[in-house]
C-alpha cells in the first residue's frame, strides 16, 4: 500500500496477521463459499445460521471460537436442508480422526488410513 506521494504506508496493526489461525478454518470458509456458489443456500440463510450460532450462550467474548461457530453453522445448515445428516458428519469426523492417528508422522492423512475404512468397491 502506498501514499499519494509514492512512499510506503504502514498497515494498521493486525492487518499483516493471518486471517485464519488454523488451516481447517480456511477450509471451512472455502467450503462455505463453494457450497453457496453451487446454490445450496443463500447468503441470507448463511448469515442467519452463523448469527444463531454466535449468539448461543457460552460464546467467547474475544471471538477466539468464531470458526467453531462457523463450522457448527455450516453443519446445521446442511443438515436442515437434508444435504448432510449430523450423524453422517460426525461419523466422517471420527473416521478422519482415526485416519490421523493411524498415519505416520510426515505422511499425508488419507481417509483410507482409517483402520475401519471400508472401500466402496
PDB file of N, CA and C in Angstrom:
ATOM      1  N   UNK A   1       0.851  -1.151   0.000  1.00  0.00           N
ATOM      2  CA  UNK A   1       0.000   0.000   0.000  1.00  0.00           C
ATOM      3  C   UNK A   1       0.912   1.234   0.000  1.00  0.00           C
ATOM      4  N   UNK A   2       0.550   2.261  -0.786  1.00  0.00           N
ATOM      5  CA  UNK A   2       1.394   3.446  -0.832  1.00  0.00           C
ATOM      6  C   UNK A   2       0.566   4.712  -0.633  1.00  0.00           C
ATOM      7  N   UNK A   3       1.260   5.758  -0.245  1.00  0.00           N
ATOM      8  CA  UNK A   3       0.644   7.072  -0.050  1.00  0.00           C
ATOM      9  C   UNK A   3       0.611   7.788  -1.401  1.00  0.00           C
ATOM     10  N   UNK A   4      -0.139   8.908  -1.499  1.00  0.00           N
ATOM     11  CA  UNK A   4      -0.183   9.659  -2.760  1.00  0.00           C
ATOM     12  C   UNK A   4       1.196  10.111  -3.245  1.00  0.00           C
ATOM     13  N   UNK A   5       2.130  10.302  -2.315  1.00  0.00           N
ATOM     14  CA  UNK A   5       3.465  10.736  -2.739  1.00  0.00           C
ATOM     15  C   UNK A   5       4.357   9.574  -3.161  1.00  0.00           C
ATOM     16  N   UNK A   6       3.799   8.334  -3.151  1.00  0.00           N
ATOM     17  CA  UNK A   6       4.547   7.167  -3.608  1.00  0.00           C
ATOM     18  C   UNK A   6       5.315   6.445  -2.520  1.00  0.00           C
ATOM     19  N   UNK A   7       5.368   6.996  -1.303  1.00  0.00           N
ATOM     20  CA  UNK A   7       6.073   6.311  -0.220  1.00  0.00           C
ATOM     21  C   UNK A   7       5.175   5.228   0.366  1.00  0.00           C
ATOM     22  N   UNK A   8       5.799   4.250   0.968  1.00  0.00           N
ATOM     23  CA  UNK A   8       5.041   3.144   1.541  1.00  0.00           C
ATOM     24  C   UNK A   8       4.263   3.597   2.766  1.00  0.00           C
ATOM     25  N   UNK A   9       3.033   3.143   2.851  1.00  0.00           N
ATOM     26  CA  UNK A   9       2.202   3.430   4.019  1.00  0.00           C
ATOM     27  C   UNK A   9       2.286   2.250   4.973  1.00  0.00           C
ATOM     28  N   UNK A  10       2.276   2.529   6.248  1.00  0.00           N
ATOM     29  CA  UNK A  10       2.252   1.468   7.238  1.00  0.00           C
ATOM     30  C   UNK A  10       0.847   0.876   7.288  1.00  0.00           C
ATOM     31  N   UNK A  11       0.780  -0.443   7.371  1.00  0.00           N
ATOM     32  CA  UNK A  11      -0.514  -1.102   7.513  1.00  0.00           C
ATOM     33  C   UNK A  11      -0.996  -0.936   8.944  1.00  0.00           C
ATOM     34  N   UNK A  12      -2.299  -0.811   9.134  1.00  0.00           N
ATOM     35  CA  UNK A  12      -2.813  -0.765  10.504  1.00  0.00           C
ATOM     36  C   UNK A  12      -2.405  -2.019  11.254  1.00  0.00           C
ATOM     37  N   UNK A  13      -2.276  -1.901  12.552  1.00  0.00           N
ATOM     38  CA  UNK A  13      -1.889  -3.028  13.392  1.00  0.00           C
ATOM     39  C   UNK A  13      -2.863  -4.178  13.164  1.00  0.00           C
ATOM     40  N   UNK A  14      -2.334  -5.356  12.953  1.00  0.00           N
ATOM     41  CA  UNK A  14      -3.144  -6.551  12.779  1.00  0.00           C
ATOM     42  C   UNK A  14      -3.415  -6.916  11.330  1.00  0.00           C
ATOM     43  N   UNK A  15      -3.222  -6.007  10.399  1.00  0.00           N
ATOM     44  CA  UNK A  15      -3.507  -6.342   9.011  1.00  0.00           C
ATOM     45  C   UNK A  15      -2.494  -7.297   8.407  1.00  0.00           C
ATOM     46  N   UNK A  16      -1.344  -7.408   9.005  1.00  0.00           N
ATOM     47  CA  UNK A  16      -0.362  -8.356   8.496  1.00  0.00           C
ATOM     48  C   UNK A  16      -0.486  -9.721   9.173  1.00  0.00           C
ATOM     49  N   UNK A  17      -1.412  -9.831  10.125  1.00  0.00           N
ATOM     50  CA  UNK A  17      -1.634 -11.101  10.805  1.00  0.00           C
ATOM     51  C   UNK A  17      -2.449 -12.022   9.899  1.00  0.00           C
ATOM     52  N   UNK A  18      -2.255 -13.334  10.025  1.00  0.00           N
ATOM     53  CA  UNK A  18      -3.036 -14.249   9.195  1.00  0.00           C
ATOM     54  C   UNK A  18      -4.525 -14.147   9.521  1.00  0.00           C
ATOM     55  N   UNK A  19      -5.342 -14.324   8.495  1.00  0.00           N
ATOM     56  CA  UNK A  19      -6.792 -14.270   8.680  1.00  0.00           C
ATOM     57  C   UNK A  19      -7.272 -15.510   9.429  1.00  0.00           C
ATOM     58  N   UNK A  20      -6.652 -16.647   9.149  1.00  0.00           N
ATOM     59  CA  UNK A  20      -7.051 -17.913   9.750  1.00  0.00           C
ATOM     60  C   UNK A  20      -5.940 -18.398  10.663  1.00  0.00           C
ATOM     61  N   UNK A  21      -6.310 -18.766  11.876  1.00  0.00           N
ATOM     62  CA  UNK A  21      -5.324 -19.259  12.834  1.00  0.00           C
ATOM     63  C   UNK A  21      -4.920 -20.701  12.546  1.00  0.00           C
ATOM     64  N   UNK A  22      -5.817 -21.454  11.911  1.00  0.00           N
ATOM     65  CA  UNK A  22      -5.574 -22.868  11.622  1.00  0.00           C
ATOM     66  C   UNK A  22      -6.024 -23.179  10.193  1.00  0.00           C
ATOM     67  N   UNK A  23      -5.391 -24.132   9.537  1.00  0.00           N
ATOM     68  CA  UNK A  23      -5.790 -24.482   8.167  1.00  0.00           C
ATOM     69  C   UNK A  23      -7.258 -24.903   8.049  1.00  0.00           C
ATOM     70  N   UNK A  24      -7.790 -25.598   9.044  1.00  0.00           N
ATOM     71  CA  UNK A  24      -9.177 -26.049   8.959  1.00  0.00           C
ATOM     72  C   UNK A  24     -10.140 -24.869   8.880  1.00  0.00           C
ATOM     73  N   UNK A  25      -9.764 -23.742   9.453  1.00  0.00           N
ATOM     74  CA  UNK A  25     -10.629 -22.563   9.390  1.00  0.00           C
ATOM     75  C   UNK A  25     -10.740 -22.059   7.953  1.00  0.00           C
ATOM     76  N   UNK A  26      -9.622 -22.013   7.253  1.00  0.00           N
ATOM     77  CA  UNK A  26      -9.630 -21.601   5.845  1.00  0.00           C
ATOM     78  C   UNK A  26     -10.435 -22.588   5.010  1.00  0.00           C
ATOM     79  N   UNK A  27     -10.315 -23.869   5.327  1.00  0.00           N
ATOM     80  CA  UNK A  27     -11.055 -24.882   4.586  1.00  0.00           C
ATOM     81  C   UNK A  27     -12.556 -24.757   4.829  1.00  0.00           C
ATOM     82  N   UNK A  28     -12.959 -24.489   6.072  1.00  0.00           N
ATOM     83  CA  UNK A  28     -14.384 -24.301   6.372  1.00  0.00           C
ATOM     84  C   UNK A  28     -14.921 -23.072   5.643  1.00  0.00           C
ATOM     85  N   UNK A  29     -14.124 -22.022   5.617  1.00  0.00           N
ATOM     86  CA  UNK A  29     -14.504 -20.804   4.895  1.00  0.00           C
ATOM     87  C   UNK A  29     -14.687 -21.113   3.408  1.00  0.00           C
ATOM     88  N   UNK A  30     -13.704 -21.795   2.824  1.00  0.00           N
ATOM     89  CA  UNK A  30     -13.744 -22.121   1.396  1.00  0.00           C
ATOM     90  C   UNK A  30     -14.918 -23.049   1.063  1.00  0.00           C
ATOM     91  N   UNK A  31     -15.200 -24.016   1.927  1.00  0.00           N
ATOM     92  CA  UNK A  31     -16.334 -24.904   1.692  1.00  0.00           C
ATOM     93  C   UNK A  31     -17.644 -24.130   1.688  1.00  0.00           C
ATOM     94  N   UNK A  32     -17.766 -23.186   2.607  1.00  0.00           N
ATOM     95  CA  UNK A  32     -18.982 -22.378   2.686  1.00  0.00           C
ATOM     96  C   UNK A  32     -19.179 -21.586   1.407  1.00  0.00           C
ATOM     97  N   UNK A  33     -18.119 -20.953   0.934  1.00  0.00           N
ATOM     98  CA  UNK A  33     -18.208 -20.172  -0.309  1.00  0.00           C
ATOM     99  C   UNK A  33     -18.558 -21.091  -1.484  1.00  0.00           C
ATOM    100  N   UNK A  34     -17.909 -22.249  -1.565  1.00  0.00           N
ATOM    101  CA  UNK A  34     -18.161 -23.174  -2.673  1.00  0.00           C
ATOM    102  C   UNK A  34     -19.596 -23.701  -2.650  1.00  0.00           C
ATOM    103  N   UNK A  35     -20.103 -24.029  -1.465  1.00  0.00           N
ATOM    104  CA  UNK A  35     -21.471 -24.538  -1.369  1.00  0.00           C
ATOM    105  C   UNK A  35     -22.488 -23.450  -1.721  1.00  0.00           C
ATOM    106  N   UNK A  36     -22.203 -22.214  -1.310  1.00  0.00           N
ATOM    107  CA  UNK A  36     -23.071 -21.097  -1.714  1.00  0.00           C
ATOM    108  C   UNK A  36     -23.026 -20.922  -3.222  1.00  0.00           C
ATOM    109  N   UNK A  37     -21.829 -20.964  -3.802  1.00  0.00           N
ATOM    110  CA  UNK A  37     -21.681 -20.798  -5.253  1.00  0.00           C
ATOM    111  C   UNK A  37     -22.441 -21.873  -6.030  1.00  0.00           C
ATOM    112  N   UNK A  38     -22.606 -23.047  -5.433  1.00  0.00           N
ATOM    113  CA  UNK A  38     -23.364 -24.122  -6.069  1.00  0.00           C
ATOM    114  C   UNK A  38     -24.870 -23.937  -5.876  1.00  0.00           C
ATOM    115  N   UNK A  39     -25.261 -22.894  -5.142  1.00  0.00           N
ATOM    116  CA  UNK A  39     -26.675 -22.597  -4.953  1.00  0.00           C
ATOM    117  C   UNK A  39     -27.355 -23.385  -3.853  1.00  0.00           C
ATOM    118  N   UNK A  40     -26.569 -23.972  -2.947  1.00  0.00           N
ATOM    119  CA  UNK A  40     -27.158 -24.793  -1.895  1.00  0.00           C
ATOM    120  C   UNK A  40     -27.801 -23.969  -0.789  1.00  0.00           C
ATOM    121  N   UNK A  41     -27.392 -22.710  -0.658  1.00  0.00           N
ATOM    122  CA  UNK A  41     -28.021 -21.794   0.285  1.00  0.00           C
ATOM    123  C   UNK A  41     -27.684 -20.368  -0.120  1.00  0.00           C
ATOM    124  N   UNK A  42     -28.497 -19.448   0.358  1.00  0.00           N
ATOM    125  CA  UNK A  42     -28.272 -18.032   0.068  1.00  0.00           C
ATOM    126  C   UNK A  42     -27.391 -17.426   1.158  1.00  0.00           C
ATOM    127  N   UNK A  43     -26.840 -16.257   0.874  1.00  0.00           N
ATOM    128  CA  UNK A  43     -26.046 -15.582   1.897  1.00  0.00           C
ATOM    129  C   UNK A  43     -26.926 -15.176   3.072  1.00  0.00           C
ATOM    130  N   UNK A  44     -28.196 -14.876   2.809  1.00  0.00           N
ATOM    131  CA  UNK A  44     -29.121 -14.564   3.900  1.00  0.00           C
ATOM    132  C   UNK A  44     -29.306 -15.745   4.834  1.00  0.00           C
ATOM    133  N   UNK A  45     -29.478 -16.936   4.239  1.00  0.00           N
ATOM    134  CA  UNK A  45     -29.593 -18.149   5.056  1.00  0.00           C
ATOM    135  C   UNK A  45     -28.318 -18.386   5.853  1.00  0.00           C
ATOM    136  N   UNK A  46     -27.180 -18.164   5.185  1.00  0.00           N
ATOM    137  CA  UNK A  46     -25.900 -18.356   5.865  1.00  0.00           C
ATOM    138  C   UNK A  46     -25.759 -17.392   7.041  1.00  0.00           C
ATOM    139  N   UNK A  47     -26.069 -16.121   6.798  1.00  0.00           N
ATOM    140  CA  UNK A  47     -25.940 -15.115   7.857  1.00  0.00           C
ATOM    141  C   UNK A  47     -26.834 -15.459   9.048  1.00  0.00           C
ATOM    142  N   UNK A  48     -28.030 -15.937   8.765  1.00  0.00           N
ATOM    143  CA  UNK A  48     -28.949 -16.311   9.839  1.00  0.00           C
ATOM    144  C   UNK A  48     -28.388 -17.502  10.629  1.00  0.00           C
ATOM    145  N   UNK A  49     -27.867 -18.504   9.930  1.00  0.00           N
ATOM    146  CA  UNK A  49     -27.324 -19.688  10.597  1.00  0.00           C
ATOM    147  C   UNK A  49     -26.099 -19.328  11.444  1.00  0.00           C
ATOM    148  N   UNK A  50     -25.190 -18.532  10.897  1.00  0.00           N
ATOM    149  CA  UNK A  50     -23.994 -18.146  11.646  1.00  0.00           C
ATOM    150  C   UNK A  50     -24.357 -17.276  12.836  1.00  0.00           C
ATOM    151  N   UNK A  51     -25.264 -16.337  12.636  1.00  0.00           N
ATOM    152  CA  UNK A  51     -25.689 -15.458  13.724  1.00  0.00           C
ATOM    153  C   UNK A  51     -26.284 -16.259  14.877  1.00  0.00           C
ATOM    154  N   UNK A  52     -27.097 -17.258  14.551  1.00  0.00           N
ATOM    155  CA  UNK A  52     -27.704 -18.092  15.594  1.00  0.00           C
ATOM    156  C   UNK A  52     -26.640 -18.816  16.407  1.00  0.00           C
ATOM    157  N   UNK A  53     -25.584 -19.291  15.749  1.00  0.00           N
ATOM    158  CA  UNK A  53     -24.510 -19.997  16.459  1.00  0.00           C
ATOM    159  C   UNK A  53     -23.695 -19.048  17.330  1.00  0.00           C
ATOM    160  N   UNK A  54     -23.359 -17.899  16.786  1.00  0.00           N
ATOM    161  CA  UNK A  54     -22.516 -16.943  17.516  1.00  0.00           C
ATOM    162  C   UNK A  54     -23.237 -16.398  18.749  1.00  0.00           C
ATOM    163  N   UNK A  55     -24.558 -16.318  18.680  1.00  0.00           N
ATOM    164  CA  UNK A  55     -25.346 -15.763  19.784  1.00  0.00           C
ATOM    165  C   UNK A  55     -25.656 -16.782  20.878  1.00  0.00           C
ATOM    166  N   UNK A  56     -25.285 -18.033  20.676  1.00  0.00           N
ATOM    167  CA  UNK A  56     -25.567 -19.062  21.676  1.00  0.00           C
ATOM    168  C   UNK A  56     -24.810 -18.765  22.965  1.00  0.00           C
ATOM    169  N   UNK A  57     -25.396 -19.141  24.097  1.00  0.00           N
ATOM    170  CA  UNK A  57     -24.686 -18.948  25.368  1.00  0.00           C
ATOM    171  C   UNK A  57     -23.347 -19.679  25.357  1.00  0.00           C
ATOM    172  N   UNK A  58     -22.370 -19.084  25.975  1.00  0.00           N
ATOM    173  CA  UNK A  58     -21.058 -19.702  26.083  1.00  0.00           C
ATOM    174  C   UNK A  58     -20.078 -19.281  25.009  1.00  0.00           C
ATOM    175  N   UNK A  59     -20.525 -18.454  24.060  1.00  0.00           N
ATOM    176  CA  UNK A  59     -19.600 -17.974  23.030  1.00  0.00           C
ATOM    177  C   UNK A  59     -18.542 -17.087  23.675  1.00  0.00           C
ATOM    178  N   UNK A  60     -17.316 -17.216  23.222  1.00  0.00           N
ATOM    179  CA  UNK A  60     -16.210 -16.425  23.773  1.00  0.00           C
ATOM    180  C   UNK A  60     -16.399 -14.950  23.420  1.00  0.00           C
ATOM    181  N   UNK A  61     -16.204 -14.092  24.391  1.00  0.00           N
ATOM    182  CA  UNK A  61     -16.358 -12.653  24.143  1.00  0.00           C
ATOM    183  C   UNK A  61     -15.232 -12.107  23.277  1.00  0.00           C
ATOM    184  N   UNK A  62     -14.081 -12.785  23.259  1.00  0.00           N
ATOM    185  CA  UNK A  62     -12.967 -12.311  22.430  1.00  0.00           C
ATOM    186  C   UNK A  62     -13.010 -12.885  21.011  1.00  0.00           C
ATOM    187  N   UNK A  63     -13.972 -13.738  20.726  1.00  0.00           N
ATOM    188  CA  UNK A  63     -14.144 -14.272  19.379  1.00  0.00           C
ATOM    189  C   UNK A  63     -13.204 -15.383  18.981  1.00  0.00           C
ATOM    190  N   UNK A  64     -12.411 -15.922  19.908  1.00  0.00           N
ATOM    191  CA  UNK A  64     -11.442 -16.955  19.524  1.00  0.00           C
ATOM    192  C   UNK A  64     -12.120 -18.236  19.031  1.00  0.00           C
ATOM    193  N   UNK A  65     -13.395 -18.392  19.333  1.00  0.00           N
ATOM    194  CA  UNK A  65     -14.112 -19.588  18.899  1.00  0.00           C
ATOM    195  C   UNK A  65     -14.998 -19.330  17.676  1.00  0.00           C
ATOM    196  N   UNK A  66     -14.760 -18.242  16.969  1.00  0.00           N
ATOM    197  CA  UNK A  66     -15.593 -17.837  15.836  1.00  0.00           C
ATOM    198  C   UNK A  66     -15.716 -18.934  14.786  1.00  0.00           C
ATOM    199  N   UNK A  67     -14.615 -19.550  14.410  1.00  0.00           N
ATOM    200  CA  UNK A  67     -14.685 -20.557  13.351  1.00  0.00           C
ATOM    201  C   UNK A  67     -15.280 -21.875  13.842  1.00  0.00           C
ATOM    202  N   UNK A  68     -15.287 -22.101  15.127  1.00  0.00           N
ATOM    203  CA  UNK A  68     -16.023 -23.247  15.652  1.00  0.00           C
ATOM    204  C   UNK A  68     -17.511 -23.007  15.448  1.00  0.00           C
ATOM    205  N   UNK A  69     -17.953 -21.758  15.672  1.00  0.00           N
ATOM    206  CA  UNK A  69     -19.352 -21.400  15.406  1.00  0.00           C
ATOM    207  C   UNK A  69     -19.630 -21.461  13.908  1.00  0.00           C
ATOM    208  N   UNK A  70     -18.665 -21.038  13.113  1.00  0.00           N
ATOM    209  CA  UNK A  70     -18.795 -21.075  11.661  1.00  0.00           C
ATOM    210  C   UNK A  70     -19.062 -22.517  11.205  1.00  0.00           C
ATOM    211  N   UNK A  71     -18.237 -23.432  11.697  1.00  0.00           N
ATOM    212  CA  UNK A  71     -18.374 -24.832  11.313  1.00  0.00           C
ATOM    213  C   UNK A  71     -19.699 -25.403  11.804  1.00  0.00           C
ATOM    214  N   UNK A  72     -20.096 -25.087  13.026  1.00  0.00           N
ATOM    215  CA  UNK A  72     -21.382 -25.562  13.552  1.00  0.00           C
ATOM    216  C   UNK A  72     -22.542 -25.028  12.715  1.00  0.00           C
ATOM    217  N   UNK A  73     -22.444 -23.761  12.291  1.00  0.00           N
ATOM    218  CA  UNK A  73     -23.494 -23.171  11.455  1.00  0.00           C
ATOM    219  C   UNK A  73     -23.574 -23.896  10.114  1.00  0.00           C
ATOM    220  N   UNK A  74     -22.432 -24.198   9.531  1.00  0.00           N
ATOM    221  CA  UNK A  74     -22.414 -24.899   8.252  1.00  0.00           C
ATOM    222  C   UNK A  74     -23.016 -26.293   8.399  1.00  0.00           C
ATOM    223  N   UNK A  75     -22.625 -27.008   9.433  1.00  0.00           N
ATOM    224  CA  UNK A  75     -23.167 -28.342   9.662  1.00  0.00           C
ATOM    225  C   UNK A  75     -24.679 -28.291   9.866  1.00  0.00           C
ATOM    226  N   UNK A  76     -25.145 -27.335  10.668  1.00  0.00           N
ATOM    227  CA  UNK A  76     -26.579 -27.218  10.953  1.00  0.00           C
ATOM    228  C   UNK A  76     -27.357 -26.846   9.687  1.00  0.00           C
ATOM    229  N   UNK A  77     -26.813 -25.940   8.899  1.00  0.00           N
ATOM    230  CA  UNK A  77     -27.482 -25.511   7.671  1.00  0.00           C
ATOM    231  C   UNK A  77     -27.583 -26.666   6.684  1.00  0.00           C
ATOM    232  N   UNK A  78     -26.514 -27.415   6.513  1.00  0.00           N
ATOM    233  CA  UNK A  78     -26.537 -28.555   5.600  1.00  0.00           C
ATOM    234  C   UNK A  78     -27.502 -29.642   6.081  1.00  0.00           C
ATOM    235  N   UNK A  79     -27.544 -29.853   7.392  1.00  0.00           N
ATOM    236  CA  UNK A  79     -28.475 -30.843   7.944  1.00  0.00           C
ATOM    237  C   UNK A  79     -29.919 -30.389   7.750  1.00  0.00           C
ATOM    238  N   UNK A  80     -30.182 -29.107   7.965  1.00  0.00           N
ATOM    239  CA  UNK A  80     -31.556 -28.607   7.834  1.00  0.00           C
ATOM    240  C   UNK A  80     -32.061 -28.703   6.397  1.00  0.00           C
ATOM    241  N   UNK A  81     -31.155 -28.700   5.444  1.00  0.00           N
ATOM    242  CA  UNK A  81     -31.525 -28.808   4.031  1.00  0.00           C
ATOM    243  C   UNK A  81     -31.478 -30.258   3.540  1.00  0.00           C
ATOM    244  N   UNK A  82     -31.164 -31.190   4.445  1.00  0.00           N
ATOM    245  CA  UNK A  82     -31.122 -32.596   4.072  1.00  0.00           C
ATOM    246  C   UNK A  82     -29.923 -32.969   3.219  1.00  0.00           C
ATOM    247  N   UNK A  83     -28.880 -32.143   3.260  1.00  0.00           N
ATOM    248  CA  UNK A  83     -27.694 -32.383   2.429  1.00  0.00           C
ATOM    249  C   UNK A  83     -26.637 -33.220   3.128  1.00  0.00           C
ATOM    250  N   UNK A  84     -26.584 -33.137   4.435  1.00  0.00           N
ATOM    251  CA  UNK A  84     -25.604 -33.901   5.212  1.00  0.00           C
ATOM    252  C   UNK A  84     -26.151 -34.067   6.624  1.00  0.00           C
ATOM    253  N   UNK A  85     -26.594 -35.264   6.937  1.00  0.00           N
ATOM    254  CA  UNK A  85     -27.124 -35.528   8.272  1.00  0.00           C
ATOM    255  C   UNK A  85     -26.027 -35.354   9.318  1.00  0.00           C
ATOM    256  N   UNK A  86     -26.399 -34.833  10.447  1.00  0.00           N
ATOM    257  CA  UNK A  86     -25.445 -34.611  11.531  1.00  0.00           C
ATOM    258  C   UNK A  86     -24.698 -35.900  11.867  1.00  0.00           C
ATOM    259  N   UNK A  87     -25.402 -37.026  11.880  1.00  0.00           N
ATOM    260  CA  UNK A  87     -24.756 -38.302  12.202  1.00  0.00           C
ATOM    261  C   UNK A  87     -23.713 -38.675  11.147  1.00  0.00           C
ATOM    262  N   UNK A  88     -23.977 -38.354   9.886  1.00  0.00           N
ATOM    263  CA  UNK A  88     -23.005 -38.631   8.823  1.00  0.00           C
ATOM    264  C   UNK A  88     -21.766 -37.755   8.969  1.00  0.00           C
ATOM    265  N   UNK A  89     -21.979 -36.480   9.299  1.00  0.00           N
ATOM    266  CA  UNK A  89     -20.853 -35.559   9.506  1.00  0.00           C
ATOM    267  C   UNK A  89     -20.016 -36.035  10.684  1.00  0.00           C
ATOM    268  N   UNK A  90     -20.680 -36.417  11.775  1.00  0.00           N
ATOM    269  CA  UNK A  90     -19.959 -36.891  12.957  1.00  0.00           C
ATOM    270  C   UNK A  90     -19.189 -38.180  12.661  1.00  0.00           C
ATOM    271  N   UNK A  91     -19.793 -39.090  11.900  1.00  0.00           N
ATOM    272  CA  UNK A  91     -19.111 -40.343  11.541  1.00  0.00           C
ATOM    273  C   UNK A  91     -17.885 -40.065  10.682  1.00  0.00           C
ATOM    274  N   UNK A  92     -18.011 -39.130   9.744  1.00  0.00           N
ATOM    275  CA  UNK A  92     -16.875 -38.789   8.889  1.00  0.00           C
ATOM    276  C   UNK A  92     -15.757 -38.142   9.711  1.00  0.00           C
ATOM    277  N   UNK A  93     -16.126 -37.279  10.657  1.00  0.00           N
ATOM    278  CA  UNK A  93     -15.115 -36.644  11.517  1.00  0.00           C
ATOM    279  C   UNK A  93     -14.366 -37.693  12.331  1.00  0.00           C
ATOM    280  N   UNK A  94     -15.100 -38.670  12.847  1.00  0.00           N
ATOM    281  CA  UNK A  94     -14.438 -39.749  13.608  1.00  0.00           C
ATOM    282  C   UNK A  94     -13.515 -40.557  12.704  1.00  0.00           C
ATOM    283  N   UNK A  95     -13.926 -40.803  11.451  1.00  0.00           N
ATOM    284  CA  UNK A  95     -13.085 -41.552  10.516  1.00  0.00           C
ATOM    285  C   UNK A  95     -11.797 -40.793  10.222  1.00  0.00           C
ATOM    286  N   UNK A  96     -11.902 -39.479  10.015  1.00  0.00           N
ATOM    287  CA  UNK A  96     -10.695 -38.692   9.757  1.00  0.00           C
ATOM    288  C   UNK A  96      -9.780 -38.662  10.981  1.00  0.00           C
ATOM    289  N   UNK A  97     -10.375 -38.622  12.161  1.00  0.00           N
ATOM    290  CA  UNK A  97      -9.549 -38.633  13.373  1.00  0.00           C
ATOM    291  C   UNK A  97      -8.811 -39.959  13.509  1.00  0.00           C
ATOM    292  N   UNK A  98      -9.506 -41.065  13.251  1.00  0.00           N
ATOM    293  CA  UNK A  98      -8.832 -42.378  13.290  1.00  0.00           C
ATOM    294  C   UNK A  98      -7.734 -42.446  12.239  1.00  0.00           C
ATOM    295  N   UNK A  99      -8.009 -41.918  11.059  1.00  0.00           N
ATOM    296  CA  UNK A  99      -7.001 -41.906   9.994  1.00  0.00           C
ATOM    297  C   UNK A  99      -5.785 -41.088  10.409  1.00  0.00           C
ATOM    298  N   UNK A 100      -6.023 -39.952  11.052  1.00  0.00           N
ATOM    299  CA  UNK A 100      -4.907 -39.109  11.500  1.00  0.00           C
ATOM    300  C   UNK A 100      -4.041 -39.845  12.515  1.00  0.00           C
ATOM    301  N   UNK A 101      -4.682 -40.553  13.449  1.00  0.00           N
ATOM    302  CA  UNK A 101      -3.920 -41.296  14.458  1.00  0.00           C
ATOM    303  C   UNK A 101      -3.164 -42.473  13.856  1.00  0.00           C
ATOM    304  N   UNK A 102      -3.672 -43.027  12.764  1.00  0.00           N
ATOM    305  CA  UNK A 102      -3.041 -44.189  12.135  1.00  0.00           C
ATOM    306  C   UNK A 102      -1.998 -43.807  11.091  1.00  0.00           C
ATOM    307  N   UNK A 103      -1.864 -42.531  10.797  1.00  0.00           N
ATOM    308  CA  UNK A 103      -0.945 -42.081   9.756  1.00  0.00           C
ATOM    309  C   UNK A 103       0.419 -41.751  10.366  1.00  0.00           C
ATOM    310  N   UNK A 104       1.490 -42.309   9.819  1.00  0.00           N
ATOM    311  CA  UNK A 104       2.827 -41.978  10.326  1.00  0.00           C
ATOM    312  C   UNK A 104       3.112 -40.484  10.170  1.00  0.00           C
ATOM    313  N   UNK A 105       3.834 -39.944  11.112  1.00  0.00           N
ATOM    314  CA  UNK A 105       4.195 -38.525  11.097  1.00  0.00           C
ATOM    315  C   UNK A 105       4.875 -38.162   9.776  1.00  0.00           C
ATOM    316  N   UNK A 106       4.460 -37.044   9.217  1.00  0.00           N
ATOM    317  CA  UNK A 106       5.056 -36.565   7.983  1.00  0.00           C
ATOM    318  C   UNK A 106       4.401 -37.093   6.720  1.00  0.00           C
ATOM    319  N   UNK A 107       3.463 -38.017   6.853  1.00  0.00           N
ATOM    320  CA  UNK A 107       2.755 -38.569   5.697  1.00  0.00           C
ATOM    321  C   UNK A 107       1.401 -37.894   5.570  1.00  0.00           C
ATOM    322  N   UNK A 108       0.853 -37.845   4.374  1.00  0.00           N
ATOM    323  CA  UNK A 108      -0.476 -37.250   4.199  1.00  0.00           C
ATOM    324  C   UNK A 108      -1.546 -38.073   4.918  1.00  0.00           C
ATOM    325  N   UNK A 109      -2.477 -37.391   5.526  1.00  0.00           N
ATOM    326  CA  UNK A 109      -3.595 -38.077   6.166  1.00  0.00           C
ATOM    327  C   UNK A 109      -4.625 -38.368   5.080  1.00  0.00           C
ATOM    328  N   UNK A 110      -4.909 -39.641   4.900  1.00  0.00           N
ATOM    329  CA  UNK A 110      -5.887 -40.082   3.908  1.00  0.00           C
ATOM    330  C   UNK A 110      -6.979 -40.864   4.627  1.00  0.00           C
ATOM    331  N   UNK A 111      -8.190 -40.714   4.172  1.00  0.00           N
ATOM    332  CA  UNK A 111      -9.301 -41.445   4.782  1.00  0.00           C
ATOM    333  C   UNK A 111      -9.046 -42.948   4.727  1.00  0.00           C
ATOM    334  N   UNK A 112      -8.354 -43.389   3.694  1.00  0.00           N
ATOM    335  CA  UNK A 112      -8.030 -44.812   3.563  1.00  0.00           C
ATOM    336  C   UNK A 112      -7.144 -45.311   4.702  1.00  0.00           C
ATOM    337  N   UNK A 113      -6.500 -44.393   5.440  1.00  0.00           N
ATOM    338  CA  UNK A 113      -5.664 -44.782   6.578  1.00  0.00           C
ATOM    339  C   UNK A 113      -6.486 -45.133   7.811  1.00  0.00           C
ATOM    340  N   UNK A 114      -7.779 -44.838   7.780  1.00  0.00           N
ATOM    341  CA  UNK A 114      -8.660 -45.187   8.884  1.00  0.00           C
ATOM    342  C   UNK A 114      -8.711 -46.708   8.978  1.00  0.00           C
ATOM    343  N   UNK A 115      -8.342 -47.289  10.134  1.00  0.00           N
ATOM    344  CA  UNK A 115      -8.367 -48.742  10.241  1.00  0.00           C
ATOM    345  C   UNK A 115      -9.745 -49.350  10.023  1.00  0.00           C
ATOM    346  N   UNK A 116     -10.788 -48.546  10.170  1.00  0.00           N
ATOM    347  CA  UNK A 116     -12.152 -49.038   9.960  1.00  0.00           C
ATOM    348  C   UNK A 116     -12.670 -48.694   8.573  1.00  0.00           C
ATOM    349  N   UNK A 117     -11.827 -48.137   7.707  1.00  0.00           N
ATOM    350  CA  UNK A 117     -12.244 -47.717   6.374  1.00  0.00           C
ATOM    351  C   UNK A 117     -12.741 -48.902   5.569  1.00  0.00           C
ATOM    352  N   UNK A 118     -13.883 -48.715   4.940  1.00  0.00           N
ATOM    353  CA  UNK A 118     -14.452 -49.741   4.070  1.00  0.00           C
ATOM    354  C   UNK A 118     -14.531 -49.173   2.661  1.00  0.00           C
ATOM    355  N   UNK A 119     -13.828 -49.769   1.746  1.00  0.00           N
ATOM    356  CA  UNK A 119     -13.866 -49.329   0.359  1.00  0.00           C
ATOM    357  C   UNK A 119     -15.247 -49.615  -0.239  1.00  0.00           C
ATOM    358  N   UNK A 120     -15.673 -48.733  -1.121  1.00  0.00           N
ATOM    359  CA  UNK A 120     -16.982 -48.902  -1.758  1.00  0.00           C
ATOM    360  C   UNK A 120     -16.881 -49.780  -2.997  1.00  0.00           C
ATOM    361  N   UNK A 121     -15.842 -50.609  -3.088  1.00  0.00           N
ATOM    362  CA  UNK A 121     -15.676 -51.467  -4.272  1.00  0.00           C
ATOM    363  C   UNK A 121     -16.299 -52.812  -4.072  1.00  0.00           C
TER     364      UNK A 121
END
